[in-house]
Amino acid sequence: MWPDVSEYKKTYPTGLKLADGSTARFFYSGDKSTIDTHFRWMQEYGLDGVFMQRFFGAARSRSKHNVNVFKHAFEAASKYERSIAVMYDLSGLQAKGEDCSALIEDWKYLVDSLGVTNQKGAKTYVHHRGKPLVAIWGVGFPDRSYNIRDIGLQRFVDFLKNDPVYGGCSIMMGVPTFWRDLNADCNPDPFLHELIREIDIVLPWMVQRFSPLLHNDMHRLRDVILDDITWCKANNVDYVPCVTPGFSWHNLSRQSAKLAPKPVNSIPRLGGQFYWDQITTALVSGAEMLYVAMFDEVNEGTAIFKVSDNPPVSDVAKFVGNDGKPSDHYLWLSGEAARMLRKEKPLTFSMPERLDSK
């Protein structure tokens, strides 16, 4: 997808053109004003907050760009009183010679040098059951080169939970959709269940696992969530299902010599109907939290922030439009979902209709 950049203070030209021949422009996440805009939207539309993804490579290198993005995000979270937490993404961790020790040192750095759990101004770091929450994503997926038994995950979990200085944390773990049965998109290793029983929240990654193009797929989603919740209650683990507006990664797939190009708009949004069906299915199934994938990930077509219905026209890249909806449509829907989740308004199975649009 392509972002609606009309509200950004700074934008940058790309090599792509819009339908009228003008140059398509993009934002830069290293600009403080960009991050300020994103958090202002969260406040304006009633989104609770975000998890800041920190990839393994970023945790190891701590480049100036990555450090600045984190600094600006935590400042904006305080300014707009939005919740914020760290999510370590294990993508990039190699099978040989690397483990989670780098994440232990990085958490110390984030606490000591960036003050992530003790921001200046409003203290908005996410706490779960009275403890600061740290997420670890990418555990149990078969397409990863690392073995979860060999990368020090238990040591990292123990550190976050029990270290006398940096511990006392709750932990959320991002796992495959079919983690409970250890099949389909999940490695069959039962060690995953041992890890999950040691943490506080399990987050199954459900992007690409369900589609509006399959008959009664929301019934399948409902059954998965109901059985997940039953397992979690029996094992004293909290549960948060993942919902997403849609998916498309045709352009990314074209960059890989190993993959045939994926179709454009492989999981269509249907103007928000697919997103709303997932939200209502999760809530009526008993979900008490929702994780939305993702806020700004335009390169996989999952973004809920303001996107353009007039994307670039190009032979080298194909973009998904916004089905004629206002650019803020998914921010508005997310805010409606948040209010229904918090029981501030009744749950409606039909997608809400707004009286105004932007």
Protein backbone atom coordinates (compact mmCIF):
# COMPACT_ATOMS: atom_id res chain seq x y z
CA MET A 1 0.00 0.00 0.00
CA TRP A 2 1.04 3.65 -0.19
CA PRO A 3 0.74 6.09 2.72
CA ASP A 4 -1.32 9.24 2.61
CA VAL A 5 1.48 11.75 3.22
CA SER A 6 -0.63 14.92 3.18
CA GLU A 7 -0.23 15.56 6.94
CA TYR A 8 3.51 14.97 7.30
CA LYS A 9 5.74 17.99 7.88
CA LYS A 10 8.57 16.37 5.91
CA THR A 11 8.29 14.07 2.90
CA TYR A 12 10.81 12.83 0.37
CA PRO A 13 10.64 12.17 -3.40
CA THR A 14 10.74 8.61 -4.69
CA GLY A 15 11.40 7.22 -8.15
CA LEU A 16 7.70 6.45 -8.58
CA LYS A 17 4.98 8.55 -10.19
CA LEU A 18 1.31 9.06 -9.37
CA ALA A 19 -1.37 8.72 -12.04
CA ASP A 20 -1.22 12.47 -12.77
CA GLY A 21 2.52 12.24 -13.45
CA SER A 22 3.63 13.93 -10.22
CA THR A 23 6.35 12.41 -8.08
CA ALA A 24 5.17 10.07 -5.34
CA ARG A 25 6.56 11.11 -1.96
CA PHE A 26 7.18 9.13 1.23
CA PHE A 27 7.90 9.86 4.90
CA TYR A 28 11.02 8.94 6.89
CA SER A 29 10.63 7.31 10.29
CA GLY A 30 13.86 8.92 11.47
CA ASP A 31 12.15 12.32 11.45
CA LYS A 32 10.81 13.25 14.84
CA SER A 33 7.86 14.98 13.19
CA THR A 34 6.84 11.72 11.47
CA ILE A 35 6.63 9.86 14.75
CA ASP A 36 4.83 12.75 16.39
CA THR A 37 2.22 12.59 13.62
CA HIS A 38 1.71 8.85 14.12
CA PHE A 39 1.17 9.15 17.87
CA ARG A 40 -1.12 12.13 17.39
CA TRP A 41 -3.27 9.93 15.17
CA MET A 42 -3.36 7.25 17.86
CA GLN A 43 -4.69 9.77 20.34
CA GLU A 44 -7.13 11.32 17.88
CA TYR A 45 -8.71 7.99 16.93
CA GLY A 46 -8.62 6.35 20.36
CA LEU A 47 -5.97 3.69 19.79
CA ASP A 48 -4.43 2.56 23.07
CA GLY A 49 -0.84 2.46 21.84
CA VAL A 50 1.85 0.41 20.14
CA PHE A 51 4.54 -2.19 20.49
CA MET A 52 7.84 -0.91 19.09
CA GLN A 53 9.38 -3.75 17.12
CA ARG A 54 13.10 -4.11 17.77
CA PHE A 55 14.70 -6.62 15.45
CA PHE A 56 17.58 -8.76 16.65
CA GLY A 57 20.02 -6.97 14.36
CA ALA A 58 18.93 -3.56 15.66
CA ALA A 59 19.32 -4.74 19.25
CA ARG A 60 22.84 -5.88 18.47
CA SER A 61 24.05 -2.88 16.46
CA ARG A 62 22.09 0.03 18.03
CA SER A 63 22.45 2.22 14.97
CA LYS A 64 21.84 5.94 15.35
CA HIS A 65 18.65 5.65 13.30
CA ASN A 66 17.14 2.90 15.44
CA VAL A 67 18.08 4.65 18.66
CA ASN A 68 16.52 7.91 17.47
CA VAL A 69 13.29 6.19 16.40
CA PHE A 70 12.96 4.70 19.88
CA LYS A 71 13.75 8.01 21.60
CA HIS A 72 11.23 9.93 19.52
CA ALA A 73 8.56 7.25 19.97
CA PHE A 74 8.81 7.21 23.75
CA GLU A 75 8.73 11.01 23.85
CA ALA A 76 5.63 11.05 21.64
CA ALA A 77 3.98 8.33 23.71
CA SER A 78 4.31 10.53 26.77
CA LYS A 79 3.21 13.65 24.90
CA TYR A 80 0.02 12.02 23.60
CA GLU A 81 -0.41 9.66 26.57
CA ARG A 82 -0.37 6.50 24.44
CA SER A 83 0.79 3.14 25.76
CA ILE A 84 4.09 1.84 24.45
CA ALA A 85 6.17 -1.30 24.94
CA VAL A 86 9.20 -3.07 23.47
CA MET A 87 8.72 -6.06 21.17
CA TYR A 88 11.88 -8.00 20.36
CA ASP A 89 11.59 -9.61 16.92
CA LEU A 90 13.97 -12.55 16.54
CA SER A 91 14.04 -12.13 12.75
CA GLY A 92 17.66 -11.93 11.69
CA LEU A 93 18.99 -14.20 14.41
CA GLN A 94 21.24 -16.80 12.80
CA ALA A 95 21.38 -20.49 13.67
CA LYS A 96 25.11 -20.60 14.34
CA GLY A 97 26.86 -18.69 17.07
CA GLU A 98 24.03 -16.34 18.09
CA ASP A 99 21.69 -16.46 21.04
CA CYS A 100 19.59 -14.14 23.14
CA SER A 101 22.46 -12.76 25.20
CA ALA A 102 22.44 -9.67 22.98
CA LEU A 103 18.83 -9.05 23.99
CA ILE A 104 19.74 -9.18 27.67
CA GLU A 105 22.34 -6.47 27.16
CA ASP A 106 19.98 -4.48 24.96
CA TRP A 107 17.21 -4.48 27.57
CA LYS A 108 19.72 -3.14 30.08
CA TYR A 109 20.65 -0.44 27.57
CA LEU A 110 17.03 0.51 26.89
CA VAL A 111 16.29 0.76 30.62
CA ASP A 112 19.49 2.56 31.62
CA SER A 113 20.20 4.80 28.63
CA LEU A 114 16.78 5.42 27.06
CA GLY A 115 14.65 5.07 30.19
CA VAL A 116 11.98 3.10 28.38
CA THR A 117 10.21 2.00 31.55
CA ASN A 118 10.61 5.41 33.17
CA GLN A 119 9.88 8.01 30.51
CA LYS A 120 10.22 11.70 31.05
CA GLY A 121 6.76 13.15 31.38
CA ALA A 122 3.75 10.83 31.42
CA LYS A 123 4.69 7.25 32.28
CA THR A 124 2.94 5.20 29.61
CA TYR A 125 4.99 2.01 29.35
CA VAL A 126 2.61 -0.97 29.10
CA HIS A 127 2.20 -2.93 32.33
CA HIS A 128 0.48 -6.31 32.51
CA ARG A 129 -0.69 -7.47 35.91
CA GLY A 130 1.37 -4.73 37.52
CA LYS A 131 4.63 -5.49 35.69
CA PRO A 132 6.29 -3.86 32.65
CA LEU A 133 5.56 -5.98 29.58
CA VAL A 134 8.24 -7.14 27.12
CA ALA A 135 7.29 -9.05 23.96
CA ILE A 136 9.43 -11.67 22.22
CA TRP A 137 8.23 -12.44 18.69
CA GLY A 138 9.22 -15.24 16.33
CA VAL A 139 9.17 -18.39 18.47
CA GLY A 140 8.20 -21.73 16.90
CA PHE A 141 8.06 -20.78 13.21
CA PRO A 142 9.45 -23.43 10.82
CA ASP A 143 10.88 -20.92 8.35
CA ARG A 144 13.45 -19.67 10.88
CA SER A 145 17.02 -20.94 10.77
CA TYR A 146 17.40 -21.08 14.55
CA ASN A 147 16.30 -23.82 16.93
CA ILE A 148 14.38 -22.41 19.90
CA ARG A 149 16.15 -24.91 22.15
CA ASP A 150 19.59 -23.53 21.27
CA ILE A 151 19.34 -19.74 21.41
CA GLY A 152 19.11 -19.07 25.13
CA LEU A 153 15.41 -18.24 25.19
CA GLN A 154 14.86 -19.70 28.63
CA ARG A 155 17.80 -17.68 29.94
CA PHE A 156 16.35 -14.49 28.45
CA VAL A 157 12.91 -15.23 29.88
CA ASP A 158 14.40 -15.95 33.30
CA PHE A 159 16.37 -12.68 33.14
CA LEU A 160 13.29 -10.62 32.30
CA LYS A 161 11.28 -12.27 35.05
CA ASN A 162 13.79 -12.62 37.85
CA ASP A 163 16.84 -10.37 37.47
CA PRO A 164 17.07 -8.29 40.67
CA VAL A 165 17.78 -5.05 38.75
CA TYR A 166 16.23 -5.37 35.30
CA GLY A 167 13.65 -8.10 35.87
CA GLY A 168 10.19 -8.13 37.36
CA CYS A 169 8.68 -8.05 33.86
CA SER A 170 5.68 -9.71 32.27
CA ILE A 171 6.40 -11.42 28.95
CA MET A 172 4.32 -11.77 25.79
CA MET A 173 5.48 -14.35 23.24
CA GLY A 174 4.63 -14.22 19.52
CA VAL A 175 4.06 -17.71 18.16
CA PRO A 176 2.47 -19.35 15.08
CA THR A 177 -1.31 -19.58 14.71
CA PHE A 178 -1.34 -23.33 15.32
CA TRP A 179 1.01 -23.29 18.30
CA ARG A 180 -1.43 -25.29 20.41
CA ASP A 181 -1.50 -28.31 18.07
CA LEU A 182 2.17 -27.93 17.03
CA ASN A 183 1.33 -28.42 13.35
CA ALA A 184 0.58 -26.54 10.10
CA ASP A 185 2.52 -23.26 10.48
CA CYS A 186 4.28 -24.38 13.68
CA ASN A 187 7.32 -26.53 14.43
CA PRO A 188 6.26 -29.80 16.10
CA ASP A 189 8.65 -29.35 19.03
CA PRO A 190 6.75 -29.57 22.38
CA PHE A 191 9.46 -27.38 23.93
CA LEU A 192 7.37 -24.46 22.67
CA HIS A 193 4.67 -25.33 25.20
CA GLU A 194 7.27 -25.38 27.98
CA LEU A 195 8.28 -21.84 27.04
CA ILE A 196 4.68 -20.63 26.81
CA ARG A 197 3.89 -21.97 30.28
CA GLU A 198 6.70 -19.78 31.64
CA ILE A 199 5.42 -16.51 30.16
CA ASP A 200 2.34 -14.35 30.73
CA ILE A 201 0.63 -13.76 27.36
CA VAL A 202 0.63 -15.82 24.17
CA LEU A 203 0.18 -13.94 20.87
CA PRO A 204 -0.56 -16.19 17.87
CA TRP A 205 0.43 -14.61 14.53
CA MET A 206 -2.68 -14.92 12.35
CA VAL A 207 -1.70 -12.84 9.32
CA GLN A 208 -2.18 -14.85 6.09
CA ARG A 209 -3.86 -17.69 8.00
CA PHE A 210 -7.45 -16.57 7.34
CA SER A 211 -9.05 -14.99 4.31
CA PRO A 212 -12.38 -13.45 3.24
CA LEU A 213 -12.07 -15.49 0.06
CA LEU A 214 -12.64 -18.77 1.92
CA HIS A 215 -16.15 -19.84 2.78
CA ASN A 216 -16.96 -19.54 6.49
CA ASP A 217 -13.36 -18.84 7.42
CA MET A 218 -14.50 -16.77 10.41
CA HIS A 219 -16.03 -19.96 11.82
CA ARG A 220 -12.59 -21.54 11.64
CA LEU A 221 -11.06 -18.49 13.33
CA ARG A 222 -13.71 -18.68 16.06
CA ASP A 223 -12.93 -22.33 16.76
CA VAL A 224 -9.18 -21.65 16.91
CA ILE A 225 -9.66 -18.79 19.38
CA LEU A 226 -12.09 -20.73 21.59
CA ASP A 227 -9.72 -23.71 21.86
CA ASP A 228 -6.73 -21.41 22.42
CA ILE A 229 -8.49 -19.66 25.28
CA THR A 230 -9.40 -23.01 26.86
CA TRP A 231 -5.75 -24.14 26.75
CA CYS A 232 -4.52 -20.82 28.13
CA LYS A 233 -6.96 -20.85 31.03
CA ALA A 234 -5.92 -24.40 31.92
CA ASN A 235 -2.26 -23.35 31.89
CA ASN A 236 -2.66 -19.95 33.58
CA VAL A 237 -1.52 -17.97 30.54
CA ASP A 238 -3.30 -14.90 29.14
CA TYR A 239 -4.22 -14.74 25.47
CA VAL A 240 -4.37 -12.08 22.78
CA PRO A 241 -5.50 -12.89 19.23
CA CYS A 242 -4.09 -11.01 16.26
CA VAL A 243 -6.31 -9.27 13.69
CA THR A 244 -5.28 -7.61 10.44
CA PRO A 245 -7.03 -5.54 7.77
CA GLY A 246 -5.61 -7.51 4.81
CA PHE A 247 -2.37 -8.60 3.20
CA SER A 248 -0.33 -8.13 0.03
CA TRP A 249 3.37 -8.61 -0.60
CA HIS A 250 3.63 -8.89 -4.36
CA ASN A 251 6.45 -6.32 -4.47
CA LEU A 252 8.47 -8.01 -1.71
CA SER A 253 8.06 -11.43 -3.32
CA ARG A 254 9.44 -10.10 -6.60
CA GLN A 255 12.70 -9.31 -4.81
CA SER A 256 13.30 -12.97 -3.97
CA ALA A 257 14.88 -15.31 -6.49
CA LYS A 258 13.51 -18.25 -4.50
CA LEU A 259 9.85 -17.27 -4.74
CA ALA A 260 7.40 -16.93 -7.58
CA PRO A 261 5.77 -13.49 -7.40
CA LYS A 262 2.75 -13.48 -5.11
CA PRO A 263 -0.53 -12.04 -6.39
CA VAL A 264 -1.38 -8.43 -5.73
CA ASN A 265 -3.91 -8.00 -2.91
CA SER A 266 -3.86 -11.70 -2.02
CA ILE A 267 -6.02 -11.09 1.09
CA PRO A 268 -8.33 -8.21 0.14
CA ARG A 269 -9.69 -5.77 2.69
CA LEU A 270 -13.19 -5.52 1.23
CA GLY A 271 -13.46 -1.95 2.45
CA GLY A 272 -12.84 -2.98 6.08
CA GLN A 273 -15.32 -5.85 6.23
CA PHE A 274 -12.64 -8.53 6.62
CA TYR A 275 -11.02 -6.53 9.44
CA TRP A 276 -14.31 -6.02 11.23
CA ASP A 277 -15.30 -9.67 10.89
CA GLN A 278 -12.07 -10.73 12.62
CA ILE A 279 -12.55 -8.17 15.40
CA THR A 280 -16.11 -9.22 16.18
CA THR A 281 -15.25 -12.93 15.92
CA ALA A 282 -12.44 -12.50 18.44
CA LEU A 283 -14.56 -10.49 20.87
CA VAL A 284 -17.58 -12.78 20.86
CA SER A 285 -15.21 -15.73 21.34
CA GLY A 286 -14.04 -14.25 24.63
CA ALA A 287 -10.92 -12.29 23.73
CA GLU A 288 -10.15 -9.61 26.32
CA MET A 289 -7.32 -8.03 24.32
CA LEU A 290 -6.64 -7.45 20.62
CA TYR A 291 -3.32 -7.11 18.83
CA VAL A 292 -3.63 -5.34 15.48
CA ALA A 293 -1.10 -6.14 12.78
CA MET A 294 0.18 -3.62 11.88
CA PHE A 295 0.19 0.14 12.39
CA ASP A 296 2.49 1.23 9.55
CA GLU A 297 3.58 -1.85 7.58
CA VAL A 298 2.72 -0.77 4.05
CA ASN A 299 5.18 -3.18 2.44
CA GLU A 300 3.00 -6.15 3.45
CA GLY A 301 -0.30 -4.37 2.99
CA THR A 302 -1.28 -4.61 6.67
CA ALA A 303 -1.07 -0.94 7.66
CA ILE A 304 -3.95 0.68 9.55
CA PHE A 305 -2.58 4.22 9.50
CA LYS A 306 -3.59 6.68 6.79
CA VAL A 307 -3.16 5.12 3.36
CA SER A 308 -3.76 6.46 -0.11
CA ASP A 309 -6.44 5.47 -2.58
CA ASN A 310 -4.23 7.04 -5.24
CA PRO A 311 -1.01 4.99 -5.08
CA PRO A 312 1.81 5.22 -7.62
CA VAL A 313 1.37 3.68 -11.05
CA SER A 314 4.40 1.65 -12.08
CA ASP A 315 5.64 -1.35 -14.02
CA VAL A 316 8.13 -2.26 -11.30
CA ALA A 317 5.70 -2.23 -8.36
CA LYS A 318 1.97 -2.80 -7.94
CA PHE A 319 0.08 -1.14 -5.12
CA VAL A 320 -3.26 -1.80 -3.45
CA GLY A 321 -5.71 1.08 -3.18
CA ASN A 322 -8.10 1.79 -0.31
CA ASP A 323 -11.39 0.59 -1.86
CA GLY A 324 -12.64 4.16 -2.18
CA LYS A 325 -12.58 4.64 1.59
CA PRO A 326 -11.15 7.72 3.38
CA SER A 327 -7.46 7.44 4.16
CA ASP A 328 -8.18 7.25 7.90
CA HIS A 329 -10.78 4.48 7.56
CA TYR A 330 -8.79 1.82 9.43
CA LEU A 331 -7.70 4.18 12.19
CA TRP A 332 -11.37 5.01 12.72
CA LEU A 333 -12.42 1.34 12.70
CA SER A 334 -9.64 0.50 15.15
CA GLY A 335 -10.85 3.21 17.49
CA GLU A 336 -14.40 1.84 17.28
CA ALA A 337 -13.09 -1.64 18.07
CA ALA A 338 -11.14 -0.31 21.05
CA ARG A 339 -14.27 1.31 22.47
CA MET A 340 -16.24 -1.89 22.06
CA LEU A 341 -13.41 -3.92 23.61
CA ARG A 342 -13.43 -1.58 26.62
CA LYS A 343 -17.23 -1.89 26.71
CA GLU A 344 -17.67 1.84 26.24
CA LYS A 345 -20.21 1.05 23.52
CA PRO A 346 -22.05 -2.13 22.51
CA LEU A 347 -20.49 -4.58 20.08
CA THR A 348 -22.03 -4.46 16.61
CA PHE A 349 -21.57 -7.28 14.11
CA SER A 350 -22.20 -5.02 11.14
CA MET A 351 -19.29 -2.75 10.32
CA PRO A 352 -19.92 0.71 11.84
CA GLU A 353 -20.81 3.57 9.55
CA ARG A 354 -19.39 7.00 10.24
CA LEU A 355 -21.24 10.22 9.85
CA ASP A 356 -18.14 12.16 8.83
CA SER A 357 -15.07 11.28 6.78
CA LYS A 358 -11.67 12.85 6.26
